[in-house]
């Protein structure tokens, strides 16, 4: 929330690691090496979800079915992996600290090229320097026979703060995450008298989108990071300090619940909360066996899947550094969360704040 206000700004910040970005040579594509296989997943909307087509409707594929493009899914998981895995941002000329600029994703050492963990898993592109990455997401087509033309139309305000509004953008060593608004079926309505609004027809909570992630030539640590960023944690405990809760808080608040993703449009307005559930995991430690008639693939499902996911993600779920504790505070999804109501300040609020002297500008409360 802005200091001195009773509502919560839609986003706050998670600090990146102070450790230097680590690099290693990828396993490349020219031979079978490392781990290969497939992750079968299903994304379920928890609040209204919109991947817009530019006209307020959910984007549709060649069959006329609502779907989440593979690029959208990959982008959501990649941005999370960059934060958890302490990797560089994959775009040039963005507002990011110098330690995590695009140039830090790739290094050359004695004629050998090395990449950070996300670049060698998801891929790298900088002018003529290209690495295709080792994972492929499928599109996620809507499951079931719901008619998207009958989904209720909802109106939201257009616009948000820009990096030029310094009180809401404290420094470059942080990444923006949006608050969840649990169990809502509608977006936050525009402020009375809002000048710019737009209509959307989002998929309602409960809509499901199955998809797959194929991987090849991954090391254990690369697969483990990918799996963590897909499933997150089913139970985290978060303590919000009095300072982070605002002047009316009398004591810290402890929260318990699962972590959930945010994606798509209208994230500031309560949209885009989703759960990604892995339904099966197939791993081949020696992919060459497929071509020798003795496939050694292991497929994990149900209890065996839960055990394997826990084994592979424990080292990340046990981390309690500042990045992970702040990440849990922003991604926890629980009805007991006191950080509400959630909405942007009014247009006039921003105009007044721009005119205020530096010591009077109202900044966001700390994340924890």
Protein backbone atom coordinates (compact mmCIF):
# COMPACT_ATOMS: atom_id res chain seq x y z
CA UNK A 1 0.00 0.00 0.00
CA UNK A 2 1.13 3.61 -0.32
CA UNK A 3 2.20 4.85 3.11
CA UNK A 4 -0.66 6.48 4.96
CA UNK A 5 -3.39 4.83 2.85
CA UNK A 6 -5.84 2.09 3.88
CA UNK A 7 -5.83 0.21 0.55
CA UNK A 8 -3.11 -1.86 -1.12
CA UNK A 9 -1.37 -1.03 -4.36
CA UNK A 10 -1.68 -4.03 -6.73
CA UNK A 11 2.04 -4.81 -6.65
CA UNK A 12 5.08 -4.74 -4.44
CA UNK A 13 8.68 -5.77 -4.88
CA UNK A 14 10.91 -8.81 -4.37
CA UNK A 15 14.62 -8.16 -4.01
CA UNK A 16 17.05 -10.04 -6.23
CA UNK A 17 20.04 -11.89 -4.84
CA UNK A 18 23.27 -10.07 -4.05
CA UNK A 19 25.26 -13.13 -5.18
CA UNK A 20 26.94 -12.97 -8.60
CA UNK A 21 25.21 -14.74 -11.49
CA UNK A 22 26.68 -18.22 -11.95
CA UNK A 23 27.49 -19.73 -15.35
CA UNK A 24 28.10 -23.17 -16.84
CA UNK A 25 28.44 -24.69 -20.28
CA UNK A 26 25.12 -26.12 -21.55
CA UNK A 27 24.83 -29.70 -22.74
CA UNK A 28 23.81 -28.44 -26.21
CA UNK A 29 21.68 -30.28 -28.79
CA UNK A 30 24.10 -32.25 -30.93
CA UNK A 31 24.13 -35.40 -28.78
CA UNK A 32 22.00 -37.08 -26.14
CA UNK A 33 23.24 -36.20 -22.69
CA UNK A 34 21.72 -35.46 -19.29
CA UNK A 35 17.99 -35.83 -18.61
CA UNK A 36 15.18 -35.81 -21.17
CA UNK A 37 11.45 -36.31 -20.89
CA UNK A 38 8.05 -34.68 -20.58
CA UNK A 39 6.08 -32.87 -17.87
CA UNK A 40 2.30 -33.08 -18.26
CA UNK A 41 0.59 -30.11 -16.56
CA UNK A 42 -2.78 -28.49 -16.11
CA UNK A 43 -3.34 -24.80 -15.31
CA UNK A 44 -6.55 -23.97 -13.46
CA UNK A 45 -7.82 -20.40 -13.16
CA UNK A 46 -8.50 -19.37 -9.55
CA UNK A 47 -9.68 -15.87 -10.39
CA UNK A 48 -10.87 -14.47 -13.76
CA UNK A 49 -8.18 -15.11 -16.39
CA UNK A 50 -7.71 -13.22 -19.65
CA UNK A 51 -5.10 -13.71 -22.37
CA UNK A 52 -6.41 -10.96 -24.61
CA UNK A 53 -6.79 -10.92 -28.38
CA UNK A 54 -6.68 -7.12 -28.49
CA UNK A 55 -10.48 -6.81 -28.62
CA UNK A 56 -11.36 -7.80 -25.06
CA UNK A 57 -11.86 -11.51 -25.79
CA UNK A 58 -9.78 -14.53 -24.84
CA UNK A 59 -7.33 -15.37 -27.61
CA UNK A 60 -8.34 -18.42 -29.69
CA UNK A 61 -6.38 -20.96 -31.71
CA UNK A 62 -7.02 -22.22 -35.25
CA UNK A 63 -9.83 -24.43 -33.93
CA UNK A 64 -11.58 -21.41 -32.44
CA UNK A 65 -10.82 -22.61 -28.91
CA UNK A 66 -9.57 -20.34 -26.10
CA UNK A 67 -5.96 -21.16 -25.35
CA UNK A 68 -2.86 -19.90 -23.56
CA UNK A 69 0.00 -19.64 -26.07
CA UNK A 70 3.16 -21.55 -25.29
CA UNK A 71 5.10 -18.29 -25.33
CA UNK A 72 2.90 -16.88 -22.54
CA UNK A 73 3.37 -19.96 -20.36
CA UNK A 74 7.10 -20.04 -20.99
CA UNK A 75 7.42 -16.34 -20.19
CA UNK A 76 5.65 -16.69 -16.84
CA UNK A 77 7.81 -19.62 -15.75
CA UNK A 78 11.00 -18.07 -17.09
CA UNK A 79 10.56 -14.79 -15.23
CA UNK A 80 10.05 -16.73 -12.01
CA UNK A 81 13.09 -18.92 -12.72
CA UNK A 82 15.21 -15.80 -13.24
CA UNK A 83 14.29 -14.60 -9.77
CA UNK A 84 14.64 -17.95 -7.97
CA UNK A 85 17.72 -19.02 -9.96
CA UNK A 86 19.48 -15.62 -9.75
CA UNK A 87 19.73 -15.22 -13.52
CA UNK A 88 19.92 -12.29 -15.92
CA UNK A 89 16.95 -10.61 -17.60
CA UNK A 90 16.69 -11.73 -21.27
CA UNK A 91 15.90 -8.31 -22.76
CA UNK A 92 18.16 -5.35 -23.58
CA UNK A 93 17.45 -1.79 -22.51
CA UNK A 94 15.16 -2.60 -19.57
CA UNK A 95 15.05 -1.15 -16.06
CA UNK A 96 17.24 -3.68 -14.24
CA UNK A 97 20.34 -3.58 -12.05
CA UNK A 98 23.70 -3.92 -13.81
CA UNK A 99 24.41 -7.31 -12.19
CA UNK A 100 21.40 -8.85 -13.96
CA UNK A 101 21.54 -7.18 -17.37
CA UNK A 102 21.31 -9.31 -20.51
CA UNK A 103 25.10 -9.23 -20.96
CA UNK A 104 25.52 -11.09 -17.65
CA UNK A 105 23.67 -14.17 -18.97
CA UNK A 106 26.58 -15.20 -21.20
CA UNK A 107 30.34 -15.26 -20.71
CA UNK A 108 33.25 -16.48 -22.81
CA UNK A 109 36.13 -18.19 -21.00
CA UNK A 110 39.15 -19.46 -22.93
CA UNK A 111 37.12 -19.92 -26.10
CA UNK A 112 34.29 -21.68 -24.25
CA UNK A 113 30.82 -20.14 -23.97
CA UNK A 114 28.90 -20.42 -20.70
CA UNK A 115 25.37 -19.30 -19.78
CA UNK A 116 23.44 -18.75 -16.57
CA UNK A 117 21.00 -21.47 -15.51
CA UNK A 118 17.94 -19.86 -17.10
CA UNK A 119 19.62 -18.95 -20.40
CA UNK A 120 20.89 -22.48 -20.91
CA UNK A 121 17.49 -23.94 -19.99
CA UNK A 122 15.05 -21.51 -21.65
CA UNK A 123 17.35 -20.07 -24.32
CA UNK A 124 19.36 -16.93 -25.08
CA UNK A 125 19.27 -14.28 -27.81
CA UNK A 126 21.46 -11.20 -28.13
CA UNK A 127 22.11 -10.04 -31.68
CA UNK A 128 23.99 -12.92 -33.34
CA UNK A 129 24.67 -14.79 -30.14
CA UNK A 130 21.93 -17.43 -29.93
CA UNK A 131 21.27 -20.55 -27.88
CA UNK A 132 17.96 -22.32 -28.54
CA UNK A 133 17.40 -23.62 -25.03
CA UNK A 134 16.51 -27.13 -23.94
CA UNK A 135 12.78 -27.00 -23.14
CA UNK A 136 9.63 -26.65 -25.25
CA UNK A 137 6.22 -25.61 -23.93
CA UNK A 138 3.04 -26.58 -25.76
CA UNK A 139 0.02 -24.35 -26.14
CA UNK A 140 -2.63 -24.88 -23.44
CA UNK A 141 -6.05 -25.30 -25.05
CA UNK A 142 -9.11 -24.90 -22.83
CA UNK A 143 -10.53 -28.16 -21.49
CA UNK A 144 -14.27 -28.81 -21.75
CA UNK A 145 -17.08 -27.36 -23.83
CA UNK A 146 -17.71 -23.97 -22.19
CA UNK A 147 -18.86 -21.23 -24.58
CA UNK A 148 -16.51 -18.23 -24.22
CA UNK A 149 -19.11 -15.99 -25.86
CA UNK A 150 -21.21 -16.43 -22.74
CA UNK A 151 -18.51 -15.48 -20.27
CA UNK A 152 -19.57 -12.25 -18.48
CA UNK A 153 -18.02 -9.02 -19.74
CA UNK A 154 -16.15 -7.00 -17.11
CA UNK A 155 -14.89 -3.40 -17.12
CA UNK A 156 -11.48 -2.34 -15.78
CA UNK A 157 -9.47 0.88 -15.70
CA UNK A 158 -6.64 1.38 -18.17
CA UNK A 159 -3.17 2.55 -17.17
CA UNK A 160 -0.68 2.01 -14.38
CA UNK A 161 2.34 3.76 -12.80
CA UNK A 162 5.47 3.97 -14.93
CA UNK A 163 9.10 3.69 -13.80
CA UNK A 164 9.24 7.48 -13.88
CA UNK A 165 7.08 7.52 -10.73
CA UNK A 166 10.05 6.93 -8.45
CA UNK A 167 8.16 6.52 -5.14
CA UNK A 168 6.62 3.30 -6.51
CA UNK A 169 9.89 2.15 -8.17
CA UNK A 170 12.46 2.26 -5.35
CA UNK A 171 15.53 0.84 -7.15
CA UNK A 172 16.54 -1.55 -9.92
CA UNK A 173 17.45 -4.53 -7.72
CA UNK A 174 13.83 -5.63 -7.31
CA UNK A 175 11.24 -7.42 -9.40
CA UNK A 176 7.53 -6.57 -9.48
CA UNK A 177 4.93 -9.10 -8.32
CA UNK A 178 1.17 -8.62 -8.00
CA UNK A 179 -1.00 -9.38 -4.98
CA UNK A 180 -3.55 -12.18 -5.22
CA UNK A 181 -7.20 -11.42 -4.53
CA UNK A 182 -8.37 -14.89 -3.44
CA UNK A 183 -11.73 -16.33 -4.42
CA UNK A 184 -12.88 -13.37 -6.47
CA UNK A 185 -15.06 -13.84 -9.54
CA UNK A 186 -14.85 -10.24 -10.75
CA UNK A 187 -12.12 -7.75 -11.53
CA UNK A 188 -11.70 -4.64 -9.37
CA UNK A 189 -14.09 -2.01 -10.70
CA UNK A 190 -12.69 1.31 -11.98
CA UNK A 191 -12.70 4.32 -9.66
CA UNK A 192 -15.76 6.52 -9.96
CA UNK A 193 -15.18 9.00 -12.74
CA UNK A 194 -12.33 7.02 -14.35
CA UNK A 195 -11.62 8.51 -17.74
CA UNK A 196 -10.18 5.43 -19.45
CA UNK A 197 -11.72 1.98 -19.18
CA UNK A 198 -11.86 -1.16 -21.28
CA UNK A 199 -14.00 -4.30 -21.36
CA UNK A 200 -12.78 -7.89 -21.11
CA UNK A 201 -14.48 -11.26 -21.27
CA UNK A 202 -12.26 -13.43 -19.04
CA UNK A 203 -12.37 -17.15 -18.44
CA UNK A 204 -14.08 -17.74 -15.07
CA UNK A 205 -12.46 -19.46 -12.08
CA UNK A 206 -12.32 -23.21 -12.54
CA UNK A 207 -11.45 -23.09 -16.25
CA UNK A 208 -8.66 -25.58 -16.99
CA UNK A 209 -5.88 -25.50 -19.60
CA UNK A 210 -3.74 -28.69 -19.99
CA UNK A 211 -0.25 -28.35 -21.50
CA UNK A 212 3.09 -30.15 -21.67
CA UNK A 213 6.74 -29.21 -21.23
CA UNK A 214 9.30 -31.32 -23.11
CA UNK A 215 12.92 -31.18 -22.02
CA UNK A 216 16.18 -32.63 -23.23
CA UNK A 217 19.78 -32.65 -22.08
CA UNK A 218 19.08 -31.03 -18.72
CA UNK A 219 21.23 -31.34 -15.64
CA UNK A 220 19.54 -32.16 -12.35
CA UNK A 221 19.75 -28.59 -11.05
CA UNK A 222 18.17 -27.25 -14.26
CA UNK A 223 15.27 -29.71 -14.15
CA UNK A 224 14.78 -29.08 -10.43
CA UNK A 225 14.50 -25.32 -10.94
CA UNK A 226 12.01 -25.84 -13.78
CA UNK A 227 9.86 -28.16 -11.65
CA UNK A 228 9.90 -25.79 -8.67
CA UNK A 229 8.78 -22.85 -10.82
CA UNK A 230 5.91 -24.93 -12.19
CA UNK A 231 4.51 -26.35 -8.93
CA UNK A 232 5.80 -23.82 -6.37
CA UNK A 233 5.06 -24.80 -2.73
CA UNK A 234 1.81 -26.20 -1.35
CA UNK A 235 2.30 -24.81 2.13
CA UNK A 236 4.34 -21.80 3.15
CA UNK A 237 4.28 -19.70 6.29
CA UNK A 238 4.67 -15.94 5.98
CA UNK A 239 4.97 -13.34 8.75
CA UNK A 240 3.96 -9.81 7.78
CA UNK A 241 5.53 -7.16 10.03
CA UNK A 242 3.61 -4.24 11.51
CA UNK A 243 5.57 -1.91 9.23
CA UNK A 244 4.47 -3.82 6.14
CA UNK A 245 0.83 -3.83 7.28
CA UNK A 246 0.49 -0.10 7.89
CA UNK A 247 -0.18 2.28 10.76
CA UNK A 248 -3.31 0.52 12.00
CA UNK A 249 -1.54 -2.81 12.60
CA UNK A 250 -1.06 -3.65 16.27
CA UNK A 251 1.04 -6.78 15.79
CA UNK A 252 2.57 -8.92 13.03
CA UNK A 253 0.30 -11.28 11.11
CA UNK A 254 1.17 -14.89 10.31
CA UNK A 255 -0.24 -16.46 7.15
CA UNK A 256 -0.23 -20.07 5.98
CA UNK A 257 -1.22 -21.39 2.57
CA UNK A 258 -0.03 -22.43 -0.91
CA UNK A 259 1.88 -20.35 -3.44
CA UNK A 260 0.10 -19.65 -6.72
CA UNK A 261 0.99 -18.06 -10.06
CA UNK A 262 -0.27 -14.84 -11.66
CA UNK A 263 -0.46 -14.49 -15.44
CA UNK A 264 -2.27 -12.80 -18.27
CA UNK A 265 -3.98 -9.44 -18.35
CA UNK A 266 -5.72 -7.58 -15.52
CA UNK A 267 -3.28 -8.82 -12.86
CA UNK A 268 -3.54 -5.44 -11.05
CA UNK A 269 -7.32 -5.85 -10.92
CA UNK A 270 -7.39 -9.26 -9.21
CA UNK A 271 -7.20 -11.38 -12.34
CA UNK A 272 -4.78 -14.08 -13.39
CA UNK A 273 -4.36 -16.12 -10.20
CA UNK A 274 -3.85 -19.76 -11.20
CA UNK A 275 -2.67 -23.11 -9.97
CA UNK A 276 -0.37 -25.27 -12.10
CA UNK A 277 -0.68 -28.96 -11.28
CA UNK A 278 1.71 -31.58 -12.67
CA UNK A 279 -0.20 -34.75 -13.59
CA UNK A 280 2.77 -36.88 -14.71
CA UNK A 281 6.53 -36.65 -15.11
CA UNK A 282 8.50 -38.83 -17.52
CA UNK A 283 12.30 -38.87 -17.22
CA UNK A 284 14.80 -40.64 -19.47
CA UNK A 285 18.32 -40.80 -18.08
CA UNK A 286 19.56 -42.37 -21.32
CA UNK A 287 17.43 -41.18 -24.27
CA UNK A 288 19.47 -43.29 -26.71
CA UNK A 289 17.66 -46.36 -25.36
CA UNK A 290 14.50 -45.21 -27.20
CA UNK A 291 16.25 -45.95 -30.48
CA UNK A 292 17.62 -49.31 -29.31
CA UNK A 293 14.23 -50.79 -28.53
CA UNK A 294 14.80 -50.78 -24.76
CA UNK A 295 13.30 -47.49 -23.56
CA UNK A 296 14.39 -46.89 -19.95
CA UNK A 297 11.92 -44.06 -19.28
CA UNK A 298 10.44 -43.74 -15.80
CA UNK A 299 6.98 -42.18 -15.50
CA UNK A 300 5.93 -40.78 -12.14
CA UNK A 301 2.25 -40.40 -11.28
CA UNK A 302 0.13 -39.89 -8.15
CA UNK A 303 2.05 -40.72 -4.94
CA UNK A 304 5.28 -41.55 -6.77
CA UNK A 305 5.02 -38.19 -8.55
CA UNK A 306 4.53 -36.32 -5.27
CA UNK A 307 7.61 -38.05 -3.82
CA UNK A 308 9.75 -37.25 -6.86
CA UNK A 309 8.64 -33.60 -7.00
CA UNK A 310 9.37 -33.18 -3.29
CA UNK A 311 12.80 -34.77 -3.70
CA UNK A 312 13.70 -32.50 -6.59
CA UNK A 313 12.37 -29.22 -5.16
CA UNK A 314 13.28 -29.51 -1.48
CA UNK A 315 16.59 -27.66 -1.83
CA UNK A 316 14.68 -24.64 -3.18
CA UNK A 317 11.68 -24.83 -0.85
CA UNK A 318 14.07 -24.89 2.13
CA UNK A 319 15.75 -21.64 1.14
CA UNK A 320 15.04 -18.71 3.46
CA UNK A 321 17.09 -15.93 1.89
CA UNK A 322 15.51 -12.51 1.29
CA UNK A 323 14.48 -13.34 -2.27
CA UNK A 324 12.59 -16.49 -1.32
CA UNK A 325 10.95 -15.06 1.82
CA UNK A 326 9.68 -12.02 -0.09
CA UNK A 327 8.61 -14.22 -3.00
CA UNK A 328 6.49 -16.35 -0.67
CA UNK A 329 4.96 -13.22 0.84
CA UNK A 330 3.77 -12.10 -2.60
CA UNK A 331 2.73 -15.47 -4.06
CA UNK A 332 0.89 -16.90 -1.04
CA UNK A 333 -2.77 -17.50 -1.82
CA UNK A 334 -4.99 -17.47 1.26
CA UNK A 335 -8.36 -16.06 2.18
CA UNK A 336 -6.86 -14.85 5.49
CA UNK A 337 -4.57 -12.36 3.74
CA UNK A 338 -5.25 -8.93 5.34
CA UNK A 339 -3.71 -6.99 2.44
CA UNK A 340 -6.93 -5.70 0.95
CA UNK A 341 -8.70 -3.94 -0.66
CA UNK A 342 -6.33 -4.01 -3.65
CA UNK A 343 -6.45 -1.27 -6.28
CA UNK A 344 -4.38 1.54 -7.80
CA UNK A 345 -4.63 5.08 -6.43
CA UNK A 346 -6.84 7.43 -8.39
CA UNK A 347 -5.54 9.52 -11.29
CA UNK A 348 -5.78 12.64 -9.11
CA UNK A 349 -3.77 10.92 -6.36
CA UNK A 350 -0.86 10.50 -8.77
CA UNK A 351 -1.12 14.09 -9.96
CA UNK A 352 -1.04 15.36 -6.38
CA UNK A 353 1.87 13.09 -5.47
CA UNK A 354 3.91 14.33 -8.43
CA UNK A 355 3.61 17.88 -7.08
CA UNK A 356 4.57 16.93 -3.52
CA UNK A 357 8.12 17.67 -2.26
CA UNK A 358 10.45 14.63 -2.09
CA UNK A 359 10.01 14.14 1.66
CA UNK A 360 6.22 14.12 1.30
CA UNK A 361 5.89 11.62 -1.53
CA UNK A 362 4.05 8.46 -0.43
CA UNK A 363 6.05 5.34 -1.11
CA UNK A 364 4.95 1.71 -0.95
CA UNK A 365 5.18 -0.20 2.32
CA UNK A 366 7.93 -2.85 2.51
CA UNK A 367 7.06 -6.35 1.34
CA UNK A 368 7.77 -7.90 4.75
